[in-house]
Amino acid sequence: MNLFKKIAKIEKTEQEQSMTTISRVETINGFSIPGIIFNMQYHFTNLQIYSDGLIDCWEMVDLPMFQNKLNKNWVVTSIPDGKTISIFSLGNWVIENGEWDYNQGSYYNYIKDLVKKLNPTLENLHNYNGKNFKLVGEVRVAKHPYTNFTPYYLENPESIFPNQINGERFYIFYINDDKKTYLAELSIYKNGQIEITNIPKKKIFKFDDLKTLINDEKLITELKIGEKITILGLGSFIIKSGNGVNINSKYDEFLNKYQELNGIENSIAKCARIFEEYKSTPTVKLKSKLKEAYENVPEHNRMFVGDMDTKDYEVRQIIYGDIVKKEWEDYYGYEYPYPDMPKPIDE
């Protein structure tokens, strides 16, 4: 009997090897909501809630694991007064007089209610049974990796097969008609449509309106001391101190993304490409092109022209010389750790 099972198993394996392998991609709908992750400091982020019961909070978890994330203060519902809120690509601010909408229990119930709104019968929910990874050999691999979600709108929502238009999203401060300052989300689409959400009523503009919104100080990045900030569905606080990116630099970031959506190489990719060309063939001409490309990258995005470790230090060393090494050593207090970049061969 055991021999028969062994033979059957071999035959099945051989049959499988002759088959065409296939896969399918399934769209899982969800909601993006404001959230806070505590990882050494308090990071404002978007929690992603999906109809299959999975929640993305910098890693994919099911509902029981999400409750554990709350219990362990990985996901938090408030920021203590005197602590800093960090907002990616926008800035960092020390807050005071925080007023928050949820505690751990009510926030979990809110998340579960959102899952139920997406999936009223709560059918086919994922259950990781406490383990959201699988072993591939000796390597731990996430069962559902982190999702880089994109905003969308339906171009013809009344159609049986509506056309879904995807975009890109950014954090921004928006001064609404009620005169309150909201930490909002700005989404840009290929056709130039702009949406501002996480405010009481969604606003729709065209890309050409952005300059006017900035000039009229409706869109801002730098906050005044004592200014009250509202995060819709999360809470509010007063600004005690801190700094934001320059609004014109932020506009350049928007423009970069709009051009990229329309097939134009963005400034970060262009700089990274010329950097690789220079390392392969270091010339005075390429050094000059690299300098121009680097200085066209929005200042707060320049760290992304290298890898996660080197950031923009190697590019800056090529352009500005060894002063960059001294800046590193003065700031970090130890020797510059990266190899010297080649100098132009025709200099």
C-alpha atoms as a PDB file:
ATOM      1  CA  MET A   1       0.000   0.000   0.000  1.00  0.00           C
ATOM      2  CA  ASN A   2       2.787   2.411   0.882  1.00  0.00           C
ATOM      3  CA  LEU A   3       4.567   1.523  -2.377  1.00  0.00           C
ATOM      4  CA  PHE A   4       1.381   2.283  -4.353  1.00  0.00           C
ATOM      5  CA  LYS A   5       1.070   5.691  -2.658  1.00  0.00           C
ATOM      6  CA  LYS A   6       4.702   6.434  -3.456  1.00  0.00           C
ATOM      7  CA  ILE A   7       4.244   5.542  -7.129  1.00  0.00           C
ATOM      8  CA  ALA A   8       1.018   7.614  -7.339  1.00  0.00           C
ATOM      9  CA  LYS A   9       2.805  10.578  -5.809  1.00  0.00           C
ATOM     10  CA  ILE A  10       5.646  10.340  -8.349  1.00  0.00           C
ATOM     11  CA  GLU A  11       3.187  10.123 -11.244  1.00  0.00           C
ATOM     12  CA  LYS A  12       1.275  13.159  -9.999  1.00  0.00           C
ATOM     13  CA  THR A  13       4.471  15.171  -9.706  1.00  0.00           C
ATOM     14  CA  GLU A  14       5.491  14.273 -13.254  1.00  0.00           C
ATOM     15  CA  GLN A  15       2.007  15.178 -14.511  1.00  0.00           C
ATOM     16  CA  GLU A  16       2.122  18.519 -12.701  1.00  0.00           C
ATOM     17  CA  GLN A  17       5.489  19.305 -14.257  1.00  0.00           C
ATOM     18  CA  SER A  18       3.947  19.025 -17.728  1.00  0.00           C
ATOM     19  CA  MET A  19       1.104  21.418 -16.918  1.00  0.00           C
ATOM     20  CA  THR A  20       0.953  25.141 -17.709  1.00  0.00           C
ATOM     21  CA  THR A  21       1.297  27.141 -14.507  1.00  0.00           C
ATOM     22  CA  ILE A  22      -1.134  30.018 -14.089  1.00  0.00           C
ATOM     23  CA  SER A  23      -2.135  32.660 -11.549  1.00  0.00           C
ATOM     24  CA  ARG A  24      -4.876  35.234 -11.136  1.00  0.00           C
ATOM     25  CA  VAL A  25      -5.022  38.646  -9.560  1.00  0.00           C
ATOM     26  CA  GLU A  26      -8.023  39.538  -7.428  1.00  0.00           C
ATOM     27  CA  THR A  27      -9.051  43.048  -6.444  1.00  0.00           C
ATOM     28  CA  ILE A  28      -9.831  43.356  -2.740  1.00  0.00           C
ATOM     29  CA  ASN A  29     -11.682  46.548  -1.856  1.00  0.00           C
ATOM     30  CA  GLY A  30     -10.921  48.496   1.259  1.00  0.00           C
ATOM     31  CA  PHE A  31     -10.726  51.805   3.086  1.00  0.00           C
ATOM     32  CA  SER A  32      -7.714  53.964   3.906  1.00  0.00           C
ATOM     33  CA  ILE A  33      -8.008  55.737   7.259  1.00  0.00           C
ATOM     34  CA  PRO A  34      -5.676  57.934   9.341  1.00  0.00           C
ATOM     35  CA  GLY A  35      -3.622  56.099  11.930  1.00  0.00           C
ATOM     36  CA  ILE A  36      -0.565  56.392  14.159  1.00  0.00           C
ATOM     37  CA  ILE A  37       2.313  53.920  14.399  1.00  0.00           C
ATOM     38  CA  PHE A  38       4.658  54.141  17.396  1.00  0.00           C
ATOM     39  CA  ASN A  39       8.099  53.003  16.270  1.00  0.00           C
ATOM     40  CA  MET A  40      10.609  54.969  18.386  1.00  0.00           C
ATOM     41  CA  GLN A  41       8.543  58.048  17.534  1.00  0.00           C
ATOM     42  CA  TYR A  42       4.946  58.698  16.514  1.00  0.00           C
ATOM     43  CA  HIS A  43       4.423  58.310  12.780  1.00  0.00           C
ATOM     44  CA  PHE A  44       1.247  59.482  11.096  1.00  0.00           C
ATOM     45  CA  THR A  45       0.248  56.933   8.473  1.00  0.00           C
ATOM     46  CA  ASN A  46      -2.667  55.394   6.610  1.00  0.00           C
ATOM     47  CA  LEU A  47      -4.080  52.143   7.913  1.00  0.00           C
ATOM     48  CA  GLN A  48      -5.499  50.000   5.112  1.00  0.00           C
ATOM     49  CA  ILE A  49      -8.645  48.051   5.967  1.00  0.00           C
ATOM     50  CA  TYR A  50      -9.701  45.323   3.520  1.00  0.00           C
ATOM     51  CA  SER A  51     -12.916  43.353   3.028  1.00  0.00           C
ATOM     52  CA  ASP A  52     -11.116  40.046   3.681  1.00  0.00           C
ATOM     53  CA  GLY A  53     -10.338  41.141   7.250  1.00  0.00           C
ATOM     54  CA  LEU A  54      -6.701  42.049   6.691  1.00  0.00           C
ATOM     55  CA  ILE A  55      -5.304  45.329   7.996  1.00  0.00           C
ATOM     56  CA  ASP A  56      -2.052  46.863   6.808  1.00  0.00           C
ATOM     57  CA  CYS A  57      -0.322  48.675   9.679  1.00  0.00           C
ATOM     58  CA  TRP A  58       3.231  48.579   8.253  1.00  0.00           C
ATOM     59  CA  GLU A  59       2.706  44.814   8.039  1.00  0.00           C
ATOM     60  CA  MET A  60      -0.338  42.796   7.081  1.00  0.00           C
ATOM     61  CA  VAL A  61      -2.288  41.384  10.029  1.00  0.00           C
ATOM     62  CA  ASP A  62      -5.695  39.839  10.612  1.00  0.00           C
ATOM     63  CA  LEU A  63      -8.217  41.187  13.127  1.00  0.00           C
ATOM     64  CA  PRO A  64      -6.925  39.247  16.180  1.00  0.00           C
ATOM     65  CA  MET A  65      -3.338  40.247  15.364  1.00  0.00           C
ATOM     66  CA  PHE A  66      -4.434  43.860  14.905  1.00  0.00           C
ATOM     67  CA  GLN A  67      -5.913  43.805  18.402  1.00  0.00           C
ATOM     68  CA  ASN A  68      -2.548  42.554  19.625  1.00  0.00           C
ATOM     69  CA  LYS A  69      -0.826  45.441  17.792  1.00  0.00           C
ATOM     70  CA  LEU A  70      -3.060  47.805  19.748  1.00  0.00           C
ATOM     71  CA  ASN A  71      -2.348  46.053  23.040  1.00  0.00           C
ATOM     72  CA  LYS A  72       1.407  46.279  22.420  1.00  0.00           C
ATOM     73  CA  ASN A  73       1.194  49.964  21.413  1.00  0.00           C
ATOM     74  CA  TRP A  74       2.487  49.444  17.891  1.00  0.00           C
ATOM     75  CA  VAL A  75      -0.727  51.040  16.660  1.00  0.00           C
ATOM     76  CA  VAL A  76      -1.758  53.834  19.027  1.00  0.00           C
ATOM     77  CA  THR A  77      -4.801  56.069  19.206  1.00  0.00           C
ATOM     78  CA  SER A  78      -3.165  59.199  20.599  1.00  0.00           C
ATOM     79  CA  ILE A  79       0.120  61.073  20.922  1.00  0.00           C
ATOM     80  CA  PRO A  80       1.148  62.356  24.381  1.00  0.00           C
ATOM     81  CA  ASP A  81       1.536  66.111  24.784  1.00  0.00           C
ATOM     82  CA  GLY A  82       5.147  67.173  24.319  1.00  0.00           C
ATOM     83  CA  LYS A  83       5.912  64.362  21.851  1.00  0.00           C
ATOM     84  CA  THR A  84       6.573  64.713  18.123  1.00  0.00           C
ATOM     85  CA  ILE A  85       4.338  63.691  15.254  1.00  0.00           C
ATOM     86  CA  SER A  86       6.324  62.694  12.162  1.00  0.00           C
ATOM     87  CA  ILE A  87       4.541  63.022   8.804  1.00  0.00           C
ATOM     88  CA  PHE A  88       6.332  61.481   5.837  1.00  0.00           C
ATOM     89  CA  SER A  89       7.567  64.002   3.273  1.00  0.00           C
ATOM     90  CA  LEU A  90       5.876  66.836   5.176  1.00  0.00           C
ATOM     91  CA  GLY A  91       7.632  67.494   8.490  1.00  0.00           C
ATOM     92  CA  ASN A  92       7.866  66.931  12.251  1.00  0.00           C
ATOM     93  CA  TRP A  93       6.062  68.854  14.984  1.00  0.00           C
ATOM     94  CA  VAL A  94       5.949  68.784  18.777  1.00  0.00           C
ATOM     95  CA  ILE A  95       2.321  68.869  19.896  1.00  0.00           C
ATOM     96  CA  GLU A  96       0.298  69.890  22.928  1.00  0.00           C
ATOM     97  CA  ASN A  97      -3.348  69.974  24.040  1.00  0.00           C
ATOM     98  CA  GLY A  98      -4.141  66.788  22.139  1.00  0.00           C
ATOM     99  CA  GLU A  99      -7.799  65.731  21.984  1.00  0.00           C
ATOM    100  CA  TRP A 100      -8.278  62.202  20.640  1.00  0.00           C
ATOM    101  CA  ASP A 101     -11.377  60.392  19.405  1.00  0.00           C
ATOM    102  CA  TYR A 102     -10.622  56.777  20.362  1.00  0.00           C
ATOM    103  CA  ASN A 103      -9.146  54.499  22.976  1.00  0.00           C
ATOM    104  CA  GLN A 104      -7.854  50.999  22.203  1.00  0.00           C
ATOM    105  CA  GLY A 105     -11.234  49.317  22.586  1.00  0.00           C
ATOM    106  CA  SER A 106     -13.284  51.807  20.595  1.00  0.00           C
ATOM    107  CA  TYR A 107     -10.649  51.977  17.838  1.00  0.00           C
ATOM    108  CA  TYR A 108     -10.668  48.197  17.424  1.00  0.00           C
ATOM    109  CA  ASN A 109     -14.473  48.241  17.221  1.00  0.00           C
ATOM    110  CA  TYR A 110     -14.256  51.016  14.611  1.00  0.00           C
ATOM    111  CA  ILE A 111     -11.867  48.934  12.483  1.00  0.00           C
ATOM    112  CA  LYS A 112     -14.047  45.838  12.806  1.00  0.00           C
ATOM    113  CA  ASP A 113     -17.117  47.870  11.811  1.00  0.00           C
ATOM    114  CA  LEU A 114     -15.288  49.027   8.673  1.00  0.00           C
ATOM    115  CA  VAL A 115     -14.526  45.404   7.758  1.00  0.00           C
ATOM    116  CA  LYS A 116     -18.206  44.599   8.275  1.00  0.00           C
ATOM    117  CA  LYS A 117     -19.251  47.531   6.096  1.00  0.00           C
ATOM    118  CA  LEU A 118     -17.078  46.106   3.325  1.00  0.00           C
ATOM    119  CA  ASN A 119     -18.123  42.520   4.021  1.00  0.00           C
ATOM    120  CA  PRO A 120     -21.526  42.562   5.795  1.00  0.00           C
ATOM    121  CA  THR A 121     -21.659  38.799   6.382  1.00  0.00           C
ATOM    122  CA  LEU A 122     -17.972  38.637   7.438  1.00  0.00           C
ATOM    123  CA  GLU A 123     -17.483  35.699   5.072  1.00  0.00           C
ATOM    124  CA  ASN A 124     -14.098  34.252   4.106  1.00  0.00           C
ATOM    125  CA  LEU A 125     -12.102  36.410   6.502  1.00  0.00           C
ATOM    126  CA  HIS A 126      -8.421  35.589   6.637  1.00  0.00           C
ATOM    127  CA  ASN A 127      -7.230  34.006   9.865  1.00  0.00           C
ATOM    128  CA  TYR A 128      -3.473  33.866  10.225  1.00  0.00           C
ATOM    129  CA  ASN A 129      -3.726  31.905  13.482  1.00  0.00           C
ATOM    130  CA  GLY A 130      -1.093  34.194  14.951  1.00  0.00           C
ATOM    131  CA  LYS A 131       1.450  33.775  12.138  1.00  0.00           C
ATOM    132  CA  ASN A 132       1.426  36.156   9.156  1.00  0.00           C
ATOM    133  CA  PHE A 133       4.511  34.666   7.491  1.00  0.00           C
ATOM    134  CA  LYS A 134       5.534  31.425   5.828  1.00  0.00           C
ATOM    135  CA  LEU A 135       8.917  29.757   5.591  1.00  0.00           C
ATOM    136  CA  VAL A 136      10.533  29.486   2.168  1.00  0.00           C
ATOM    137  CA  GLY A 137      13.534  27.371   3.010  1.00  0.00           C
ATOM    138  CA  GLU A 138      14.847  29.153   6.082  1.00  0.00           C
ATOM    139  CA  VAL A 139      13.577  32.580   5.050  1.00  0.00           C
ATOM    140  CA  ARG A 140      10.455  34.129   6.580  1.00  0.00           C
ATOM    141  CA  VAL A 141       8.225  35.549   3.842  1.00  0.00           C
ATOM    142  CA  ALA A 142       5.031  37.508   4.500  1.00  0.00           C
ATOM    143  CA  LYS A 143       1.878  35.656   3.499  1.00  0.00           C
ATOM    144  CA  HIS A 144       0.518  38.958   2.199  1.00  0.00           C
ATOM    145  CA  PRO A 145       3.281  41.547   1.698  1.00  0.00           C
ATOM    146  CA  TYR A 146       2.948  45.257   2.397  1.00  0.00           C
ATOM    147  CA  THR A 147       0.687  46.890  -0.165  1.00  0.00           C
ATOM    148  CA  ASN A 148       1.542  50.166  -1.855  1.00  0.00           C
ATOM    149  CA  PHE A 149      -2.065  51.148  -2.387  1.00  0.00           C
ATOM    150  CA  THR A 150      -3.164  53.869  -4.766  1.00  0.00           C
ATOM    151  CA  PRO A 151      -6.228  56.141  -4.682  1.00  0.00           C
ATOM    152  CA  TYR A 152      -8.739  55.858  -7.510  1.00  0.00           C
ATOM    153  CA  TYR A 153     -11.963  57.270  -8.857  1.00  0.00           C
ATOM    154  CA  LEU A 154     -14.463  55.857 -11.356  1.00  0.00           C
ATOM    155  CA  GLU A 155     -14.574  57.848 -14.572  1.00  0.00           C
ATOM    156  CA  ASN A 156     -18.007  56.498 -15.586  1.00  0.00           C
ATOM    157  CA  PRO A 157     -19.543  55.165 -12.347  1.00  0.00           C
ATOM    158  CA  GLU A 158     -22.976  54.480 -13.911  1.00  0.00           C
ATOM    159  CA  SER A 159     -21.489  52.032 -16.417  1.00  0.00           C
ATOM    160  CA  ILE A 160     -21.644  48.263 -15.923  1.00  0.00           C
ATOM    161  CA  PHE A 161     -17.874  48.248 -16.349  1.00  0.00           C
ATOM    162  CA  PRO A 162     -16.707  51.607 -14.979  1.00  0.00           C
ATOM    163  CA  ASN A 163     -13.237  52.819 -15.884  1.00  0.00           C
ATOM    164  CA  GLN A 164     -11.068  52.991 -12.751  1.00  0.00           C
ATOM    165  CA  ILE A 165      -8.520  55.828 -12.813  1.00  0.00           C
ATOM    166  CA  ASN A 166      -5.603  55.323 -10.418  1.00  0.00           C
ATOM    167  CA  GLY A 167      -3.505  58.127  -8.980  1.00  0.00           C
ATOM    168  CA  GLU A 168      -0.876  58.959  -6.384  1.00  0.00           C
ATOM    169  CA  ARG A 169      -1.397  60.454  -2.928  1.00  0.00           C
ATOM    170  CA  PHE A 170       0.424  62.903  -0.651  1.00  0.00           C
ATOM    171  CA  TYR A 171      -0.040  64.394   2.804  1.00  0.00           C
ATOM    172  CA  ILE A 172      -0.719  68.127   2.964  1.00  0.00           C
ATOM    173  CA  PHE A 173      -2.327  70.673   5.279  1.00  0.00           C
ATOM    174  CA  TYR A 174      -5.518  72.207   3.947  1.00  0.00           C
ATOM    175  CA  ILE A 175      -7.335  75.210   5.364  1.00  0.00           C
ATOM    176  CA  ASN A 176     -10.979  74.354   4.796  1.00  0.00           C
ATOM    177  CA  ASP A 177     -14.062  76.552   4.345  1.00  0.00           C
ATOM    178  CA  ASP A 178     -14.731  76.208   8.104  1.00  0.00           C
ATOM    179  CA  LYS A 179     -11.326  77.938   8.679  1.00  0.00           C
ATOM    180  CA  LYS A 180      -9.922  74.829  10.365  1.00  0.00           C
ATOM    181  CA  THR A 181      -6.543  73.410   9.337  1.00  0.00           C
ATOM    182  CA  TYR A 182      -6.800  69.720   8.420  1.00  0.00           C
ATOM    183  CA  LEU A 183      -4.084  67.166   7.879  1.00  0.00           C
ATOM    184  CA  ALA A 184      -5.470  66.122   4.507  1.00  0.00           C
ATOM    185  CA  GLU A 185      -4.617  63.821   1.653  1.00  0.00           C
ATOM    186  CA  LEU A 186      -4.027  65.177  -1.846  1.00  0.00           C
ATOM    187  CA  SER A 187      -4.393  62.744  -4.761  1.00  0.00           C
ATOM    188  CA  ILE A 188      -3.139  63.445  -8.281  1.00  0.00           C
ATOM    189  CA  TYR A 189      -4.410  61.703 -11.409  1.00  0.00           C
ATOM    190  CA  LYS A 190      -2.976  61.402 -14.920  1.00  0.00           C
ATOM    191  CA  ASN A 191      -5.699  63.581 -16.460  1.00  0.00           C
ATOM    192  CA  GLY A 192      -4.868  66.433 -14.074  1.00  0.00           C
ATOM    193  CA  GLN A 193      -7.698  65.861 -11.609  1.00  0.00           C
ATOM    194  CA  ILE A 194      -6.780  66.694  -8.016  1.00  0.00           C
ATOM    195  CA  GLU A 195      -8.745  65.427  -5.000  1.00  0.00           C
ATOM    196  CA  ILE A 196      -8.373  66.656  -1.437  1.00  0.00           C
ATOM    197  CA  THR A 197      -9.784  64.235   1.122  1.00  0.00           C
ATOM    198  CA  ASN A 198      -9.757  63.637   4.895  1.00  0.00           C
ATOM    199  CA  ILE A 199     -11.651  66.903   5.184  1.00  0.00           C
ATOM    200  CA  PRO A 200     -15.394  67.272   5.950  1.00  0.00           C
ATOM    201  CA  LYS A 201     -16.309  67.308   2.235  1.00  0.00           C
ATOM    202  CA  LYS A 202     -14.034  66.157  -0.580  1.00  0.00           C
ATOM    203  CA  LYS A 203     -12.722  68.902  -2.864  1.00  0.00           C
ATOM    204  CA  ILE A 204     -11.958  68.376  -6.561  1.00  0.00           C
ATOM    205  CA  PHE A 205      -9.625  70.639  -8.517  1.00  0.00           C
ATOM    206  CA  LYS A 206      -7.418  70.583 -11.606  1.00  0.00           C
ATOM    207  CA  PHE A 207      -3.629  70.437 -11.438  1.00  0.00           C
ATOM    208  CA  ASP A 208      -3.403  74.022 -12.709  1.00  0.00           C
ATOM    209  CA  ASP A 209      -5.329  75.121  -9.579  1.00  0.00           C
ATOM    210  CA  LEU A 210      -2.517  74.057  -7.241  1.00  0.00           C
ATOM    211  CA  LYS A 211      -0.490  77.246  -7.636  1.00  0.00           C
ATOM    212  CA  THR A 212      -3.560  79.340  -6.802  1.00  0.00           C
ATOM    213  CA  LEU A 213      -4.355  77.195  -3.755  1.00  0.00           C
ATOM    214  CA  ILE A 214      -0.767  77.641  -2.571  1.00  0.00           C
ATOM    215  CA  ASN A 215      -0.722  81.404  -3.252  1.00  0.00           C
ATOM    216  CA  ASP A 216      -4.044  81.767  -1.412  1.00  0.00           C
ATOM    217  CA  GLU A 217      -2.533  79.780   1.512  1.00  0.00           C
ATOM    218  CA  LYS A 218      -5.218  77.105   1.329  1.00  0.00           C
ATOM    219  CA  LEU A 219      -2.538  74.434   0.868  1.00  0.00           C
ATOM    220  CA  ILE A 220       0.305  74.792   3.377  1.00  0.00           C
ATOM    221  CA  THR A 221       3.254  72.812   4.697  1.00  0.00           C
ATOM    222  CA  GLU A 222       4.663  75.128   7.369  1.00  0.00           C
ATOM    223  CA  LEU A 223       2.610  75.630  10.522  1.00  0.00           C
ATOM    224  CA  LYS A 224       2.409  78.459  13.015  1.00  0.00           C
ATOM    225  CA  ILE A 225       3.091  77.987  16.699  1.00  0.00           C
ATOM    226  CA  GLY A 226      -0.273  77.652  18.442  1.00  0.00           C
ATOM    227  CA  GLU A 227      -2.082  76.536  15.270  1.00  0.00           C
ATOM    228  CA  LYS A 228      -4.710  73.854  15.808  1.00  0.00           C
ATOM    229  CA  ILE A 229      -4.540  70.827  13.491  1.00  0.00           C
ATOM    230  CA  THR A 230      -7.461  68.460  12.981  1.00  0.00           C
ATOM    231  CA  ILE A 231      -7.056  64.871  11.762  1.00  0.00           C
ATOM    232  CA  LEU A 232     -10.547  63.882  10.733  1.00  0.00           C
ATOM    233  CA  GLY A 233     -11.579  60.666  12.468  1.00  0.00           C
ATOM    234  CA  LEU A 234      -8.586  60.668  14.816  1.00  0.00           C
ATOM    235  CA  GLY A 235      -8.334  63.871  16.854  1.00  0.00           C
ATOM    236  CA  SER A 236      -6.717  67.289  17.070  1.00  0.00           C
ATOM    237  CA  PHE A 237      -3.752  69.037  18.678  1.00  0.00           C
ATOM    238  CA  ILE A 238      -1.931  72.355  18.982  1.00  0.00           C
ATOM    239  CA  ILE A 239       1.475  72.979  17.376  1.00  0.00           C
ATOM    240  CA  LYS A 240       4.145  73.706  19.996  1.00  0.00           C
ATOM    241  CA  SER A 241       7.179  73.699  17.676  1.00  0.00           C
ATOM    242  CA  GLY A 242       8.536  72.009  14.585  1.00  0.00           C
ATOM    243  CA  ASN A 243       9.301  72.375  10.906  1.00  0.00           C
ATOM    244  CA  GLY A 244       7.710  71.476   7.588  1.00  0.00           C
ATOM    245  CA  VAL A 245       9.108  71.212   4.083  1.00  0.00           C
ATOM    246  CA  ASN A 246       9.050  74.286   1.881  1.00  0.00           C
ATOM    247  CA  ILE A 247       5.726  74.635   0.049  1.00  0.00           C
ATOM    248  CA  ASN A 248       7.410  75.362  -3.292  1.00  0.00           C
ATOM    249  CA  SER A 249       9.516  72.225  -2.913  1.00  0.00           C
ATOM    250  CA  LYS A 250       6.301  70.310  -2.189  1.00  0.00           C
ATOM    251  CA  TYR A 251       4.738  71.708  -5.347  1.00  0.00           C
ATOM    252  CA  ASP A 252       7.773  70.481  -7.296  1.00  0.00           C
ATOM    253  CA  GLU A 253       7.107  67.029  -5.842  1.00  0.00           C
ATOM    254  CA  PHE A 254       3.493  67.212  -7.060  1.00  0.00           C
ATOM    255  CA  LEU A 255       4.668  68.309 -10.513  1.00  0.00           C
ATOM    256  CA  ASN A 256       7.189  65.472 -10.609  1.00  0.00           C
ATOM    257  CA  LYS A 257       4.488  62.908  -9.909  1.00  0.00           C
ATOM    258  CA  TYR A 258       2.045  64.447 -12.394  1.00  0.00           C
ATOM    259  CA  GLN A 259       4.697  64.275 -15.118  1.00  0.00           C
ATOM    260  CA  GLU A 260       5.575  60.706 -14.147  1.00  0.00           C
ATOM    261  CA  LEU A 261       1.920  59.663 -14.411  1.00  0.00           C
ATOM    262  CA  ASN A 262       2.028  61.032 -17.958  1.00  0.00           C
ATOM    263  CA  GLY A 263       5.127  59.043 -18.937  1.00  0.00           C
ATOM    264  CA  ILE A 264       7.826  61.634 -18.230  1.00  0.00           C
ATOM    265  CA  GLU A 265      10.903  60.514 -16.276  1.00  0.00           C
ATOM    266  CA  ASN A 266      10.749  62.005 -12.789  1.00  0.00           C
ATOM    267  CA  SER A 267      13.651  63.987 -11.355  1.00  0.00           C
ATOM    268  CA  ILE A 268      14.702  61.292  -8.846  1.00  0.00           C
ATOM    269  CA  ALA A 269      14.860  58.587 -11.526  1.00  0.00           C
ATOM    270  CA  LYS A 270      16.743  60.934 -13.853  1.00  0.00           C
ATOM    271  CA  CYS A 271      19.315  61.773 -11.184  1.00  0.00           C
ATOM    272  CA  ALA A 272      19.753  58.096 -10.241  1.00  0.00           C
ATOM    273  CA  ARG A 273      20.211  57.174 -13.924  1.00  0.00           C
ATOM    274  CA  ILE A 274      22.901  59.834 -14.504  1.00  0.00           C
ATOM    275  CA  PHE A 275      24.581  58.756 -11.238  1.00  0.00           C
ATOM    276  CA  GLU A 276      24.936  55.202 -12.602  1.00  0.00           C
ATOM    277  CA  GLU A 277      26.199  56.553 -15.933  1.00  0.00           C
ATOM    278  CA  TYR A 278      28.788  58.653 -14.114  1.00  0.00           C
ATOM    279  CA  LYS A 279      30.054  55.743 -12.022  1.00  0.00           C
ATOM    280  CA  SER A 280      30.481  53.723 -15.207  1.00  0.00           C
ATOM    281  CA  THR A 281      32.198  56.530 -17.152  1.00  0.00           C
ATOM    282  CA  PRO A 282      33.127  59.459 -14.886  1.00  0.00           C
ATOM    283  CA  THR A 283      33.512  62.576 -17.021  1.00  0.00           C
ATOM    284  CA  VAL A 284      33.293  66.314 -16.459  1.00  0.00           C
ATOM    285  CA  LYS A 285      30.210  66.463 -18.694  1.00  0.00           C
ATOM    286  CA  LEU A 286      28.388  63.774 -16.699  1.00  0.00           C
ATOM    287  CA  LYS A 287      29.386  65.433 -13.415  1.00  0.00           C
ATOM    288  CA  SER A 288      27.808  68.662 -14.667  1.00  0.00           C
ATOM    289  CA  LYS A 289      24.661  66.795 -15.781  1.00  0.00           C
ATOM    290  CA  LEU A 290      24.515  65.042 -12.398  1.00  0.00           C
ATOM    291  CA  LYS A 291      24.734  68.367 -10.545  1.00  0.00           C
ATOM    292  CA  GLU A 292      21.925  69.844 -12.619  1.00  0.00           C
ATOM    293  CA  ALA A 293      19.744  66.741 -12.187  1.00  0.00           C
ATOM    294  CA  TYR A 294      20.377  66.555  -8.419  1.00  0.00           C
ATOM    295  CA  GLU A 295      19.544  70.207  -7.832  1.00  0.00           C
ATOM    296  CA  ASN A 296      16.301  69.770  -9.802  1.00  0.00           C
ATOM    297  CA  VAL A 297      15.107  67.115  -7.321  1.00  0.00           C
ATOM    298  CA  PRO A 298      12.819  68.628  -4.657  1.00  0.00           C
ATOM    299  CA  GLU A 299      15.093  69.223  -1.674  1.00  0.00           C
ATOM    300  CA  HIS A 300      13.167  66.978   0.732  1.00  0.00           C
ATOM    301  CA  ASN A 301      13.296  64.117  -1.803  1.00  0.00           C
ATOM    302  CA  ARG A 302      17.035  64.201  -2.524  1.00  0.00           C
ATOM    303  CA  MET A 303      17.785  61.421  -0.038  1.00  0.00           C
ATOM    304  CA  PHE A 304      16.066  58.999  -2.427  1.00  0.00           C
ATOM    305  CA  VAL A 305      18.566  59.332  -5.301  1.00  0.00           C
ATOM    306  CA  GLY A 306      20.763  56.646  -3.695  1.00  0.00           C
ATOM    307  CA  ASP A 307      19.897  53.462  -1.829  1.00  0.00           C
ATOM    308  CA  MET A 308      18.507  53.083   1.693  1.00  0.00           C
ATOM    309  CA  ASP A 309      21.992  53.247   3.234  1.00  0.00           C
ATOM    310  CA  THR A 310      23.903  55.774   1.147  1.00  0.00           C
ATOM    311  CA  LYS A 311      20.945  58.100   0.453  1.00  0.00           C
ATOM    312  CA  ASP A 312      22.395  61.072  -1.469  1.00  0.00           C
ATOM    313  CA  TYR A 313      25.857  61.175   0.157  1.00  0.00           C
ATOM    314  CA  GLU A 314      27.700  59.565  -2.759  1.00  0.00           C
ATOM    315  CA  VAL A 315      25.988  61.799  -5.311  1.00  0.00           C
ATOM    316  CA  ARG A 316      26.830  64.867  -3.222  1.00  0.00           C
ATOM    317  CA  GLN A 317      30.445  63.763  -2.865  1.00  0.00           C
ATOM    318  CA  ILE A 318      30.789  63.667  -6.645  1.00  0.00           C
ATOM    319  CA  ILE A 319      29.220  67.103  -7.041  1.00  0.00           C
ATOM    320  CA  TYR A 320      30.562  69.001  -4.036  1.00  0.00           C
ATOM    321  CA  GLY A 321      33.707  67.095  -3.100  1.00  0.00           C
ATOM    322  CA  ASP A 322      35.058  65.852   0.212  1.00  0.00           C
ATOM    323  CA  ILE A 323      33.257  68.540   2.212  1.00  0.00           C
ATOM    324  CA  VAL A 324      30.404  66.010   2.261  1.00  0.00           C
ATOM    325  CA  LYS A 325      32.583  63.543   4.193  1.00  0.00           C
ATOM    326  CA  LYS A 326      33.374  66.224   6.763  1.00  0.00           C
ATOM    327  CA  GLU A 327      29.676  67.069   7.118  1.00  0.00           C
ATOM    328  CA  TRP A 328      28.957  63.385   7.795  1.00  0.00           C
ATOM    329  CA  GLU A 329      31.715  63.075  10.401  1.00  0.00           C
ATOM    330  CA  ASP A 330      30.690  66.316  12.150  1.00  0.00           C
ATOM    331  CA  TYR A 331      27.034  65.195  12.269  1.00  0.00           C
ATOM    332  CA  TYR A 332      27.435  61.508  13.178  1.00  0.00           C
ATOM    333  CA  GLY A 333      30.727  61.635  15.068  1.00  0.00           C
ATOM    334  CA  TYR A 334      32.486  58.829  13.216  1.00  0.00           C
ATOM    335  CA  GLU A 335      34.387  58.287   9.967  1.00  0.00           C
ATOM    336  CA  TYR A 336      32.581  58.540   6.631  1.00  0.00           C
ATOM    337  CA  PRO A 337      31.681  54.897   5.865  1.00  0.00           C
ATOM    338  CA  TYR A 338      31.255  54.854   2.078  1.00  0.00           C
ATOM    339  CA  PRO A 339      33.871  54.360  -0.674  1.00  0.00           C
ATOM    340  CA  ASP A 340      35.214  57.461  -2.386  1.00  0.00           C
ATOM    341  CA  MET A 341      33.490  58.249  -5.646  1.00  0.00           C
ATOM    342  CA  PRO A 342      35.624  58.373  -8.812  1.00  0.00           C
ATOM    343  CA  LYS A 343      36.756  61.765 -10.077  1.00  0.00           C
ATOM    344  CA  PRO A 344      36.267  62.673 -13.755  1.00  0.00           C
ATOM    345  CA  ILE A 345      38.865  60.932 -15.920  1.00  0.00           C
ATOM    346  CA  ASP A 346      39.129  63.997 -18.185  1.00  0.00           C
ATOM    347  CA  GLU A 347      39.385  66.613 -15.453  1.00  0.00           C
END
